[in-house]
PDB file of N, CA and C in Angstrom:
ATOM      1  N   UNK A   1     -12.388 -11.968  20.831  1.00  0.00           N
ATOM      2  CA  UNK A   1     -13.071 -12.003  19.557  1.00  0.00           C
ATOM      3  C   UNK A   1     -12.043 -11.989  18.428  1.00  0.00           C
ATOM      4  N   UNK A   2     -12.133 -12.907  17.504  1.00  0.00           N
ATOM      5  CA  UNK A   2     -11.219 -12.993  16.382  1.00  0.00           C
ATOM      6  C   UNK A   2     -11.855 -12.372  15.152  1.00  0.00           C
ATOM      7  N   UNK A   3     -11.114 -11.493  14.486  1.00  0.00           N
ATOM      8  CA  UNK A   3     -11.592 -10.879  13.253  1.00  0.00           C
ATOM      9  C   UNK A   3     -11.077 -11.694  12.079  1.00  0.00           C
ATOM     10  N   UNK A   4     -11.975 -12.080  11.198  1.00  0.00           N
ATOM     11  CA  UNK A   4     -11.580 -12.825  10.011  1.00  0.00           C
ATOM     12  C   UNK A   4     -11.239 -11.839   8.905  1.00  0.00           C
ATOM     13  N   UNK A   5     -10.091 -12.011   8.320  1.00  0.00           N
ATOM     14  CA  UNK A   5      -9.648 -11.148   7.230  1.00  0.00           C
ATOM     15  C   UNK A   5     -10.093 -11.754   5.911  1.00  0.00           C
ATOM     16  N   UNK A   6     -10.753 -10.951   5.087  1.00  0.00           N
ATOM     17  CA  UNK A   6     -11.150 -11.374   3.747  1.00  0.00           C
ATOM     18  C   UNK A   6      -9.981 -11.064   2.820  1.00  0.00           C
ATOM     19  N   UNK A   7      -9.252 -12.092   2.411  1.00  0.00           N
ATOM     20  CA  UNK A   7      -8.041 -11.871   1.611  1.00  0.00           C
ATOM     21  C   UNK A   7      -8.350 -11.298   0.233  1.00  0.00           C
ATOM     22  N   UNK A   8      -9.609 -11.363  -0.198  1.00  0.00           N
ATOM     23  CA  UNK A   8      -9.950 -10.764  -1.496  1.00  0.00           C
ATOM     24  C   UNK A   8      -9.937  -9.240  -1.409  1.00  0.00           C
ATOM     25  N   UNK A   9      -9.869  -8.693  -0.194  1.00  0.00           N
ATOM     26  CA  UNK A   9      -9.814  -7.244  -0.030  1.00  0.00           C
ATOM     27  C   UNK A   9      -8.378  -6.711  -0.030  1.00  0.00           C
ATOM     28  N   UNK A  10      -7.398  -7.607  -0.072  1.00  0.00           N
ATOM     29  CA  UNK A  10      -6.006  -7.179  -0.149  1.00  0.00           C
ATOM     30  C   UNK A  10      -5.719  -6.582  -1.525  1.00  0.00           C
ATOM     31  N   UNK A  11      -4.651  -5.782  -1.587  1.00  0.00           N
ATOM     32  CA  UNK A  11      -4.239  -5.181  -2.854  1.00  0.00           C
ATOM     33  C   UNK A  11      -3.271  -6.087  -3.585  1.00  0.00           C
ATOM     34  N   UNK A  12      -3.717  -6.630  -4.700  1.00  0.00           N
ATOM     35  CA  UNK A  12      -2.883  -7.520  -5.506  1.00  0.00           C
ATOM     36  C   UNK A  12      -2.428  -6.806  -6.773  1.00  0.00           C
ATOM     37  N   UNK A  13      -1.251  -7.208  -7.223  1.00  0.00           N
ATOM     38  CA  UNK A  13      -0.710  -6.645  -8.457  1.00  0.00           C
ATOM     39  C   UNK A  13      -0.016  -7.755  -9.222  1.00  0.00           C
ATOM     40  N   UNK A  14      -0.256  -7.793 -10.518  1.00  0.00           N
ATOM     41  CA  UNK A  14       0.418  -8.770 -11.375  1.00  0.00           C
ATOM     42  C   UNK A  14       1.151  -7.999 -12.467  1.00  0.00           C
ATOM     43  N   UNK A  15       2.462  -8.221 -12.546  1.00  0.00           N
ATOM     44  CA  UNK A  15       3.289  -7.559 -13.551  1.00  0.00           C
ATOM     45  C   UNK A  15       4.148  -8.594 -14.266  1.00  0.00           C
ATOM     46  N   UNK A  16       4.678  -8.204 -15.404  1.00  0.00           N
ATOM     47  CA  UNK A  16       5.586  -9.065 -16.134  1.00  0.00           C
ATOM     48  C   UNK A  16       6.991  -8.910 -15.569  1.00  0.00           C
ATOM     49  N   UNK A  17       7.644 -10.027 -15.295  1.00  0.00           N
ATOM     50  CA  UNK A  17       9.027 -10.006 -14.829  1.00  0.00           C
ATOM     51  C   UNK A  17       9.933 -10.383 -15.998  1.00  0.00           C
ATOM     52  N   UNK A  18      10.621  -9.404 -16.543  1.00  0.00           N
ATOM     53  CA  UNK A  18      11.534  -9.671 -17.661  1.00  0.00           C
ATOM     54  C   UNK A  18      12.664 -10.599 -17.225  1.00  0.00           C
ATOM     55  N   UNK A  19      13.098 -10.438 -15.977  1.00  0.00           N
ATOM     56  CA  UNK A  19      14.179 -11.271 -15.448  1.00  0.00           C
ATOM     57  C   UNK A  19      13.783 -12.741 -15.397  1.00  0.00           C
ATOM     58  N   UNK A  20      12.550 -13.011 -14.963  1.00  0.00           N
ATOM     59  CA  UNK A  20      12.082 -14.390 -14.818  1.00  0.00           C
ATOM     60  C   UNK A  20      11.328 -14.903 -16.039  1.00  0.00           C
ATOM     61  N   UNK A  21      10.951 -13.985 -16.944  1.00  0.00           N
ATOM     62  CA  UNK A  21      10.166 -14.325 -18.124  1.00  0.00           C
ATOM     63  C   UNK A  21       8.836 -14.988 -17.746  1.00  0.00           C
ATOM     64  N   UNK A  22       8.251 -14.482 -16.640  1.00  0.00           N
ATOM     65  CA  UNK A  22       6.952 -14.950 -16.159  1.00  0.00           C
ATOM     66  C   UNK A  22       6.228 -13.775 -15.526  1.00  0.00           C
ATOM     67  N   UNK A  23       4.954 -13.990 -15.236  1.00  0.00           N
ATOM     68  CA  UNK A  23       4.177 -12.988 -14.530  1.00  0.00           C
ATOM     69  C   UNK A  23       4.435 -13.108 -13.040  1.00  0.00           C
ATOM     70  N   UNK A  24       4.570 -11.973 -12.375  1.00  0.00           N
ATOM     71  CA  UNK A  24       4.871 -11.909 -10.957  1.00  0.00           C
ATOM     72  C   UNK A  24       3.693 -11.271 -10.233  1.00  0.00           C
ATOM     73  N   UNK A  25       3.120 -11.995  -9.289  1.00  0.00           N
ATOM     74  CA  UNK A  25       2.024 -11.474  -8.472  1.00  0.00           C
ATOM     75  C   UNK A  25       2.565 -11.100  -7.108  1.00  0.00           C
ATOM     76  N   UNK A  26       2.135  -9.941  -6.605  1.00  0.00           N
ATOM     77  CA  UNK A  26       2.540  -9.478  -5.287  1.00  0.00           C
ATOM     78  C   UNK A  26       1.306  -8.974  -4.537  1.00  0.00           C
ATOM     79  N   UNK A  27       1.453  -8.859  -3.218  1.00  0.00           N
ATOM     80  CA  UNK A  27       0.368  -8.404  -2.353  1.00  0.00           C
ATOM     81  C   UNK A  27       0.870  -7.222  -1.541  1.00  0.00           C
ATOM     82  N   UNK A  28       0.168  -6.095  -1.626  1.00  0.00           N
ATOM     83  CA  UNK A  28       0.581  -4.869  -0.952  1.00  0.00           C
ATOM     84  C   UNK A  28       0.713  -5.054   0.553  1.00  0.00           C
ATOM     85  N   UNK A  29      -0.213  -5.755   1.164  1.00  0.00           N
ATOM     86  CA  UNK A  29      -0.211  -5.920   2.617  1.00  0.00           C
ATOM     87  C   UNK A  29       0.804  -6.949   3.113  1.00  0.00           C
ATOM     88  N   UNK A  30       1.232  -7.840   2.259  1.00  0.00           N
ATOM     89  CA  UNK A  30       2.226  -8.863   2.607  1.00  0.00           C
ATOM     90  C   UNK A  30       3.352  -8.824   1.570  1.00  0.00           C
ATOM     91  N   UNK A  31       4.201  -7.789   1.612  1.00  0.00           N
ATOM     92  CA  UNK A  31       5.187  -7.567   0.551  1.00  0.00           C
ATOM     93  C   UNK A  31       6.278  -8.629   0.434  1.00  0.00           C
ATOM     94  N   UNK A  32       6.425  -9.479   1.435  1.00  0.00           N
ATOM     95  CA  UNK A  32       7.455 -10.515   1.350  1.00  0.00           C
ATOM     96  C   UNK A  32       6.992 -11.710   0.520  1.00  0.00           C
ATOM     97  N   UNK A  33       5.718 -11.736   0.152  1.00  0.00           N
ATOM     98  CA  UNK A  33       5.169 -12.851  -0.624  1.00  0.00           C
ATOM     99  C   UNK A  33       5.085 -12.492  -2.104  1.00  0.00           C
ATOM    100  N   UNK A  34       5.335 -13.486  -2.952  1.00  0.00           N
ATOM    101  CA  UNK A  34       5.167 -13.301  -4.396  1.00  0.00           C
ATOM    102  C   UNK A  34       4.949 -14.667  -5.035  1.00  0.00           C
ATOM    103  N   UNK A  35       4.464 -14.638  -6.283  1.00  0.00           N
ATOM    104  CA  UNK A  35       4.206 -15.886  -7.001  1.00  0.00           C
ATOM    105  C   UNK A  35       4.480 -15.664  -8.480  1.00  0.00           C
ATOM    106  N   UNK A  36       5.250 -16.555  -9.077  1.00  0.00           N
ATOM    107  CA  UNK A  36       5.552 -16.511 -10.504  1.00  0.00           C
ATOM    108  C   UNK A  36       4.744 -17.566 -11.240  1.00  0.00           C
ATOM    109  N   UNK A  37       4.253 -17.222 -12.428  1.00  0.00           N
ATOM    110  CA  UNK A  37       3.519 -18.184 -13.257  1.00  0.00           C
ATOM    111  C   UNK A  37       3.550 -17.716 -14.708  1.00  0.00           C
ATOM    112  N   UNK A  38       3.185 -18.617 -15.594  1.00  0.00           N
ATOM    113  CA  UNK A  38       3.244 -18.297 -17.021  1.00  0.00           C
ATOM    114  C   UNK A  38       2.086 -17.421 -17.496  1.00  0.00           C
ATOM    115  N   UNK A  39       0.997 -17.323 -16.718  1.00  0.00           N
ATOM    116  CA  UNK A  39      -0.113 -16.430 -17.075  1.00  0.00           C
ATOM    117  C   UNK A  39      -0.448 -15.531 -15.892  1.00  0.00           C
ATOM    118  N   UNK A  40      -1.095 -14.420 -16.182  1.00  0.00           N
ATOM    119  CA  UNK A  40      -1.518 -13.510 -15.117  1.00  0.00           C
ATOM    120  C   UNK A  40      -2.481 -14.209 -14.166  1.00  0.00           C
ATOM    121  N   UNK A  41      -3.405 -14.965 -14.718  1.00  0.00           N
ATOM    122  CA  UNK A  41      -4.413 -15.641 -13.910  1.00  0.00           C
ATOM    123  C   UNK A  41      -3.785 -16.659 -12.957  1.00  0.00           C
ATOM    124  N   UNK A  42      -2.816 -17.437 -13.474  1.00  0.00           N
ATOM    125  CA  UNK A  42      -2.148 -18.429 -12.625  1.00  0.00           C
ATOM    126  C   UNK A  42      -1.314 -17.762 -11.536  1.00  0.00           C
ATOM    127  N   UNK A  43      -0.682 -16.648 -11.875  1.00  0.00           N
ATOM    128  CA  UNK A  43       0.127 -15.934 -10.875  1.00  0.00           C
ATOM    129  C   UNK A  43      -0.763 -15.421  -9.747  1.00  0.00           C
ATOM    130  N   UNK A  44      -1.899 -14.827 -10.104  1.00  0.00           N
ATOM    131  CA  UNK A  44      -2.809 -14.313  -9.084  1.00  0.00           C
ATOM    132  C   UNK A  44      -3.403 -15.442  -8.249  1.00  0.00           C
ATOM    133  N   UNK A  45      -3.819 -16.513  -8.891  1.00  0.00           N
ATOM    134  CA  UNK A  45      -4.400 -17.650  -8.167  1.00  0.00           C
ATOM    135  C   UNK A  45      -3.371 -18.268  -7.215  1.00  0.00           C
ATOM    136  N   UNK A  46      -2.141 -18.432  -7.679  1.00  0.00           N
ATOM    137  CA  UNK A  46      -1.092 -19.003  -6.837  1.00  0.00           C
ATOM    138  C   UNK A  46      -0.801 -18.123  -5.630  1.00  0.00           C
ATOM    139  N   UNK A  47      -0.744 -16.813  -5.858  1.00  0.00           N
ATOM    140  CA  UNK A  47      -0.481 -15.907  -4.752  1.00  0.00           C
ATOM    141  C   UNK A  47      -1.641 -15.895  -3.765  1.00  0.00           C
ATOM    142  N   UNK A  48      -2.865 -15.904  -4.257  1.00  0.00           N
ATOM    143  CA  UNK A  48      -4.017 -15.920  -3.342  1.00  0.00           C
ATOM    144  C   UNK A  48      -4.004 -17.174  -2.461  1.00  0.00           C
ATOM    145  N   UNK A  49      -3.656 -18.309  -3.047  1.00  0.00           N
ATOM    146  CA  UNK A  49      -3.552 -19.535  -2.250  1.00  0.00           C
ATOM    147  C   UNK A  49      -2.470 -19.389  -1.174  1.00  0.00           C
ATOM    148  N   UNK A  50      -1.341 -18.818  -1.555  1.00  0.00           N
ATOM    149  CA  UNK A  50      -0.245 -18.611  -0.617  1.00  0.00           C
ATOM    150  C   UNK A  50      -0.647 -17.632   0.490  1.00  0.00           C
ATOM    151  N   UNK A  51      -1.306 -16.545   0.110  1.00  0.00           N
ATOM    152  CA  UNK A  51      -1.764 -15.564   1.098  1.00  0.00           C
ATOM    153  C   UNK A  51      -2.731 -16.225   2.073  1.00  0.00           C
ATOM    154  N   UNK A  52      -3.648 -17.029   1.572  1.00  0.00           N
ATOM    155  CA  UNK A  52      -4.604 -17.722   2.450  1.00  0.00           C
ATOM    156  C   UNK A  52      -3.856 -18.596   3.451  1.00  0.00           C
ATOM    157  N   UNK A  53      -2.851 -19.355   2.992  1.00  0.00           N
ATOM    158  CA  UNK A  53      -2.065 -20.207   3.892  1.00  0.00           C
ATOM    159  C   UNK A  53      -1.355 -19.380   4.960  1.00  0.00           C
ATOM    160  N   UNK A  54      -0.739 -18.284   4.557  1.00  0.00           N
ATOM    161  CA  UNK A  54       0.000 -17.439   5.496  1.00  0.00           C
ATOM    162  C   UNK A  54      -0.948 -16.814   6.510  1.00  0.00           C
ATOM    163  N   UNK A  55      -2.091 -16.306   6.050  1.00  0.00           N
ATOM    164  CA  UNK A  55      -3.065 -15.701   6.968  1.00  0.00           C
ATOM    165  C   UNK A  55      -3.593 -16.752   7.936  1.00  0.00           C
ATOM    166  N   UNK A  56      -3.858 -17.954   7.442  1.00  0.00           N
ATOM    167  CA  UNK A  56      -4.304 -19.041   8.331  1.00  0.00           C
ATOM    168  C   UNK A  56      -3.243 -19.369   9.373  1.00  0.00           C
ATOM    169  N   UNK A  57      -1.968 -19.431   8.960  1.00  0.00           N
ATOM    170  CA  UNK A  57      -0.874 -19.706   9.889  1.00  0.00           C
ATOM    171  C   UNK A  57      -0.730 -18.593  10.928  1.00  0.00           C
ATOM    172  N   UNK A  58      -0.801 -17.348  10.485  1.00  0.00           N
ATOM    173  CA  UNK A  58      -0.699 -16.226  11.418  1.00  0.00           C
ATOM    174  C   UNK A  58      -1.836 -16.266  12.431  1.00  0.00           C
ATOM    175  N   UNK A  59      -3.027 -16.557  11.956  1.00  0.00           N
ATOM    176  CA  UNK A  59      -4.192 -16.636  12.837  1.00  0.00           C
ATOM    177  C   UNK A  59      -4.028 -17.764  13.842  1.00  0.00           C
ATOM    178  N   UNK A  60      -3.576 -18.919  13.364  1.00  0.00           N
ATOM    179  CA  UNK A  60      -3.426 -20.092  14.233  1.00  0.00           C
ATOM    180  C   UNK A  60      -2.383 -19.873  15.327  1.00  0.00           C
ATOM    181  N   UNK A  61      -1.350 -19.086  15.026  1.00  0.00           N
ATOM    182  CA  UNK A  61      -0.289 -18.857  16.007  1.00  0.00           C
ATOM    183  C   UNK A  61      -0.509 -17.576  16.816  1.00  0.00           C
ATOM    184  N   UNK A  62      -1.613 -16.888  16.562  1.00  0.00           N
ATOM    185  CA  UNK A  62      -1.932 -15.683  17.316  1.00  0.00           C
ATOM    186  C   UNK A  62      -1.130 -14.457  16.920  1.00  0.00           C
ATOM    187  N   UNK A  63      -0.486 -14.525  15.773  1.00  0.00           N
ATOM    188  CA  UNK A  63       0.286 -13.381  15.291  1.00  0.00           C
ATOM    189  C   UNK A  63      -0.644 -12.401  14.578  1.00  0.00           C
ATOM    190  N   UNK A  64      -0.247 -11.126  14.524  1.00  0.00           N
ATOM    191  CA  UNK A  64      -1.109 -10.146  13.862  1.00  0.00           C
ATOM    192  C   UNK A  64      -1.211 -10.399  12.357  1.00  0.00           C
ATOM    193  N   UNK A  65      -2.423 -10.252  11.857  1.00  0.00           N
ATOM    194  CA  UNK A  65      -2.695 -10.407  10.427  1.00  0.00           C
ATOM    195  C   UNK A  65      -2.915  -9.007   9.853  1.00  0.00           C
ATOM    196  N   UNK A  66      -2.217  -8.654   8.773  1.00  0.00           N
ATOM    197  CA  UNK A  66      -2.380  -7.314   8.210  1.00  0.00           C
ATOM    198  C   UNK A  66      -3.823  -7.053   7.783  1.00  0.00           C
ATOM    199  N   UNK A  67      -4.312  -5.869   8.124  1.00  0.00           N
ATOM    200  CA  UNK A  67      -5.647  -5.448   7.706  1.00  0.00           C
ATOM    201  C   UNK A  67      -5.520  -4.880   6.292  1.00  0.00           C
ATOM    202  N   UNK A  68      -6.437  -5.215   5.393  1.00  0.00           N
ATOM    203  CA  UNK A  68      -6.363  -4.662   4.034  1.00  0.00           C
ATOM    204  C   UNK A  68      -6.382  -3.135   4.043  1.00  0.00           C
ATOM    205  N   UNK A  69      -5.569  -2.518   3.207  1.00  0.00           N
ATOM    206  CA  UNK A  69      -5.547  -1.060   3.116  1.00  0.00           C
ATOM    207  C   UNK A  69      -6.932  -0.526   2.782  1.00  0.00           C
ATOM    208  N   UNK A  70      -7.692  -1.263   1.969  1.00  0.00           N
ATOM    209  CA  UNK A  70      -9.015  -0.812   1.535  1.00  0.00           C
ATOM    210  C   UNK A  70     -10.007  -0.696   2.684  1.00  0.00           C
ATOM    211  N   UNK A  71      -9.776  -1.417   3.778  1.00  0.00           N
ATOM    212  CA  UNK A  71     -10.733  -1.389   4.879  1.00  0.00           C
ATOM    213  C   UNK A  71     -10.176  -0.703   6.131  1.00  0.00           C
ATOM    214  N   UNK A  72      -8.961  -0.182   6.058  1.00  0.00           N
ATOM    215  CA  UNK A  72      -8.371   0.531   7.197  1.00  0.00           C
ATOM    216  C   UNK A  72      -9.024   1.900   7.336  1.00  0.00           C
ATOM    217  N   UNK A  73      -9.062   2.390   8.551  1.00  0.00           N
ATOM    218  CA  UNK A  73      -9.573   3.733   8.808  1.00  0.00           C
ATOM    219  C   UNK A  73      -8.405   4.712   8.834  1.00  0.00           C
ATOM    220  N   UNK A  74      -8.601   5.854   8.207  1.00  0.00           N
ATOM    221  CA  UNK A  74      -7.577   6.889   8.175  1.00  0.00           C
ATOM    222  C   UNK A  74      -8.162   8.181   8.733  1.00  0.00           C
ATOM    223  N   UNK A  75      -7.371   8.897   9.524  1.00  0.00           N
ATOM    224  CA  UNK A  75      -7.849  10.129  10.156  1.00  0.00           C
ATOM    225  C   UNK A  75      -7.798  11.320   9.211  1.00  0.00           C
ATOM    226  N   UNK A  76      -6.994  11.229   8.162  1.00  0.00           N
ATOM    227  CA  UNK A  76      -6.804  12.382   7.292  1.00  0.00           C
ATOM    228  C   UNK A  76      -5.686  13.291   7.778  1.00  0.00           C
ATOM    229  N   UNK A  77      -5.007  12.873   8.838  1.00  0.00           N
ATOM    230  CA  UNK A  77      -3.913  13.662   9.394  1.00  0.00           C
ATOM    231  C   UNK A  77      -2.647  12.819   9.444  1.00  0.00           C
ATOM    232  N   UNK A  78      -1.523  13.470   9.178  1.00  0.00           N
ATOM    233  CA  UNK A  78      -0.230  12.843   9.433  1.00  0.00           C
ATOM    234  C   UNK A  78       0.792  13.942   9.666  1.00  0.00           C
ATOM    235  N   UNK A  79       1.789  13.646  10.451  1.00  0.00           N
ATOM    236  CA  UNK A  79       2.842  14.617  10.755  1.00  0.00           C
ATOM    237  C   UNK A  79       4.025  14.378   9.841  1.00  0.00           C
ATOM    238  N   UNK A  80       4.602  15.464   9.409  1.00  0.00           N
ATOM    239  CA  UNK A  80       5.750  15.383   8.515  1.00  0.00           C
ATOM    240  C   UNK A  80       6.807  16.364   8.988  1.00  0.00           C
ATOM    241  N   UNK A  81       8.005  15.885   9.216  1.00  0.00           N
ATOM    242  CA  UNK A  81       9.097  16.768   9.625  1.00  0.00           C
ATOM    243  C   UNK A  81       9.944  17.097   8.400  1.00  0.00           C
ATOM    244  N   UNK A  82      10.136  18.376   8.191  1.00  0.00           N
ATOM    245  CA  UNK A  82      10.995  18.839   7.096  1.00  0.00           C
ATOM    246  C   UNK A  82      11.990  19.823   7.691  1.00  0.00           C
ATOM    247  N   UNK A  83      13.064  20.046   7.013  1.00  0.00           N
ATOM    248  CA  UNK A  83      14.052  21.006   7.489  1.00  0.00           C
ATOM    249  C   UNK A  83      13.515  22.434   7.449  1.00  0.00           C
ATOM    250  N   UNK A  84      14.178  23.332   8.167  1.00  0.00           N
ATOM    251  CA  UNK A  84      13.742  24.728   8.240  1.00  0.00           C
ATOM    252  C   UNK A  84      13.705  25.386   6.864  1.00  0.00           C
ATOM    253  N   UNK A  85      14.716  25.116   6.051  1.00  0.00           N
ATOM    254  CA  UNK A  85      14.779  25.734   4.723  1.00  0.00           C
ATOM    255  C   UNK A  85      13.586  25.315   3.878  1.00  0.00           C
ATOM    256  N   UNK A  86      13.291  24.021   3.847  1.00  0.00           N
ATOM    257  CA  UNK A  86      12.160  23.535   3.055  1.00  0.00           C
ATOM    258  C   UNK A  86      10.842  24.074   3.605  1.00  0.00           C
ATOM    259  N   UNK A  87      10.704  24.122   4.905  1.00  0.00           N
ATOM    260  CA  UNK A  87       9.485  24.661   5.521  1.00  0.00           C
ATOM    261  C   UNK A  87       9.270  26.113   5.066  1.00  0.00           C
ATOM    262  N   UNK A  88      10.330  26.897   5.121  1.00  0.00           N
ATOM    263  CA  UNK A  88      10.250  28.303   4.693  1.00  0.00           C
ATOM    264  C   UNK A  88       9.875  28.389   3.215  1.00  0.00           C
ATOM    265  N   UNK A  89      10.519  27.584   2.401  1.00  0.00           N
ATOM    266  CA  UNK A  89      10.281  27.597   0.960  1.00  0.00           C
ATOM    267  C   UNK A  89       8.822  27.228   0.648  1.00  0.00           C
ATOM    268  N   UNK A  90       8.298  26.227   1.324  1.00  0.00           N
ATOM    269  CA  UNK A  90       6.903  25.819   1.116  1.00  0.00           C
ATOM    270  C   UNK A  90       5.940  26.909   1.572  1.00  0.00           C
ATOM    271  N   UNK A  91       6.243  27.545   2.696  1.00  0.00           N
ATOM    272  CA  UNK A  91       5.389  28.620   3.200  1.00  0.00           C
ATOM    273  C   UNK A  91       5.359  29.794   2.216  1.00  0.00           C
ATOM    274  N   UNK A  92       6.502  30.122   1.639  1.00  0.00           N
ATOM    275  CA  UNK A  92       6.570  31.201   0.656  1.00  0.00           C
ATOM    276  C   UNK A  92       5.768  30.827  -0.596  1.00  0.00           C
ATOM    277  N   UNK A  93       5.950  29.609  -1.059  1.00  0.00           N
ATOM    278  CA  UNK A  93       5.201  29.160  -2.239  1.00  0.00           C
ATOM    279  C   UNK A  93       3.695  29.221  -1.983  1.00  0.00           C
ATOM    280  N   UNK A  94       3.268  28.807  -0.790  1.00  0.00           N
ATOM    281  CA  UNK A  94       1.844  28.832  -0.441  1.00  0.00           C
ATOM    282  C   UNK A  94       1.337  30.273  -0.435  1.00  0.00           C
ATOM    283  N   UNK A  95       2.106  31.159   0.146  1.00  0.00           N
ATOM    284  CA  UNK A  95       1.695  32.565   0.203  1.00  0.00           C
ATOM    285  C   UNK A  95       1.589  33.171  -1.186  1.00  0.00           C
ATOM    286  N   UNK A  96       2.495  32.804  -2.074  1.00  0.00           N
ATOM    287  CA  UNK A  96       2.463  33.321  -3.444  1.00  0.00           C
ATOM    288  C   UNK A  96       1.202  32.870  -4.179  1.00  0.00           C
ATOM    289  N   UNK A  97       0.665  31.727  -3.783  1.00  0.00           N
ATOM    290  CA  UNK A  97      -0.566  31.228  -4.407  1.00  0.00           C
ATOM    291  C   UNK A  97      -1.804  31.582  -3.593  1.00  0.00           C
ATOM    292  N   UNK A  98      -1.618  32.401  -2.553  1.00  0.00           N
ATOM    293  CA  UNK A  98      -2.720  32.839  -1.679  1.00  0.00           C
ATOM    294  C   UNK A  98      -3.450  31.654  -1.055  1.00  0.00           C
ATOM    295  N   UNK A  99      -2.662  30.688  -0.589  1.00  0.00           N
ATOM    296  CA  UNK A  99      -3.193  29.496   0.059  1.00  0.00           C
ATOM    297  C   UNK A  99      -2.546  29.337   1.422  1.00  0.00           C
ATOM    298  N   UNK A 100      -3.248  28.653   2.319  1.00  0.00           N
ATOM    299  CA  UNK A 100      -2.597  28.272   3.571  1.00  0.00           C
ATOM    300  C   UNK A 100      -1.562  27.199   3.232  1.00  0.00           C
ATOM    301  N   UNK A 101      -0.630  27.007   4.135  1.00  0.00           N
ATOM    302  CA  UNK A 101       0.376  25.972   3.907  1.00  0.00           C
ATOM    303  C   UNK A 101      -0.296  24.608   3.759  1.00  0.00           C
ATOM    304  N   UNK A 102      -1.289  24.333   4.580  1.00  0.00           N
ATOM    305  CA  UNK A 102      -2.009  23.061   4.497  1.00  0.00           C
ATOM    306  C   UNK A 102      -2.681  22.897   3.132  1.00  0.00           C
ATOM    307  N   UNK A 103      -3.401  23.919   2.665  1.00  0.00           N
ATOM    308  CA  UNK A 103      -4.073  23.844   1.364  1.00  0.00           C
ATOM    309  C   UNK A 103      -3.060  23.644   0.236  1.00  0.00           C
ATOM    310  N   UNK A 104      -1.946  24.358   0.334  1.00  0.00           N
ATOM    311  CA  UNK A 104      -0.900  24.244  -0.673  1.00  0.00           C
ATOM    312  C   UNK A 104      -0.353  22.826  -0.735  1.00  0.00           C
ATOM    313  N   UNK A 105      -0.056  22.251   0.431  1.00  0.00           N
ATOM    314  CA  UNK A 105       0.509  20.896   0.461  1.00  0.00           C
ATOM    315  C   UNK A 105      -0.501  19.851  -0.009  1.00  0.00           C
ATOM    316  N   UNK A 106      -1.752  19.992   0.374  1.00  0.00           N
ATOM    317  CA  UNK A 106      -2.774  19.051  -0.089  1.00  0.00           C
ATOM    318  C   UNK A 106      -2.877  19.107  -1.613  1.00  0.00           C
ATOM    319  N   UNK A 107      -2.861  20.302  -2.171  1.00  0.00           N
ATOM    320  CA  UNK A 107      -2.913  20.448  -3.641  1.00  0.00           C
ATOM    321  C   UNK A 107      -1.710  19.794  -4.301  1.00  0.00           C
ATOM    322  N   UNK A 108      -0.530  20.050  -3.749  1.00  0.00           N
ATOM    323  CA  UNK A 108       0.692  19.471  -4.329  1.00  0.00           C
ATOM    324  C   UNK A 108       0.692  17.960  -4.236  1.00  0.00           C
ATOM    325  N   UNK A 109       0.253  17.427  -3.100  1.00  0.00           N
ATOM    326  CA  UNK A 109       0.186  15.973  -2.940  1.00  0.00           C
ATOM    327  C   UNK A 109      -0.853  15.363  -3.872  1.00  0.00           C
ATOM    328  N   UNK A 110      -1.976  16.046  -4.045  1.00  0.00           N
ATOM    329  CA  UNK A 110      -3.032  15.550  -4.941  1.00  0.00           C
ATOM    330  C   UNK A 110      -2.545  15.529  -6.386  1.00  0.00           C
ATOM    331  N   UNK A 111      -1.790  16.553  -6.773  1.00  0.00           N
ATOM    332  CA  UNK A 111      -1.253  16.633  -8.139  1.00  0.00           C
ATOM    333  C   UNK A 111      -0.227  15.531  -8.391  1.00  0.00           C
ATOM    334  N   UNK A 112       0.467  15.097  -7.339  1.00  0.00           N
ATOM    335  CA  UNK A 112       1.523  14.093  -7.473  1.00  0.00           C
ATOM    336  C   UNK A 112       0.979  12.672  -7.532  1.00  0.00           C
ATOM    337  N   UNK A 113      -0.247  12.478  -7.095  1.00  0.00           N
ATOM    338  CA  UNK A 113      -0.757  11.092  -7.038  1.00  0.00           C
ATOM    339  C   UNK A 113      -1.408  10.655  -8.321  1.00  0.00           C
TER     340      UNK A 113
END
């Protein structure tokens, strides 16, 4: 069974490139692709056309096609290795705020985003 990827669900970004003096469109799921154009709309349209071609080529050759971040499933868990000193420091900070280490880290990560 082949899953069709809806490229409109990919994460697109259009920014001004001072170096190129044009708008630069990029795609989060396919970071090696970009498109330059004189307007934001043209940059996005050009990149979407390019993404469609690349996804079609990947599909035709049986290569994996990136799933959009917006439609991926996440467990809510991830492992993080930190040094002993940092682990101790974080545990102390959590205790000072009367939080579990997990609650403390979730709060800190939420504040940073």
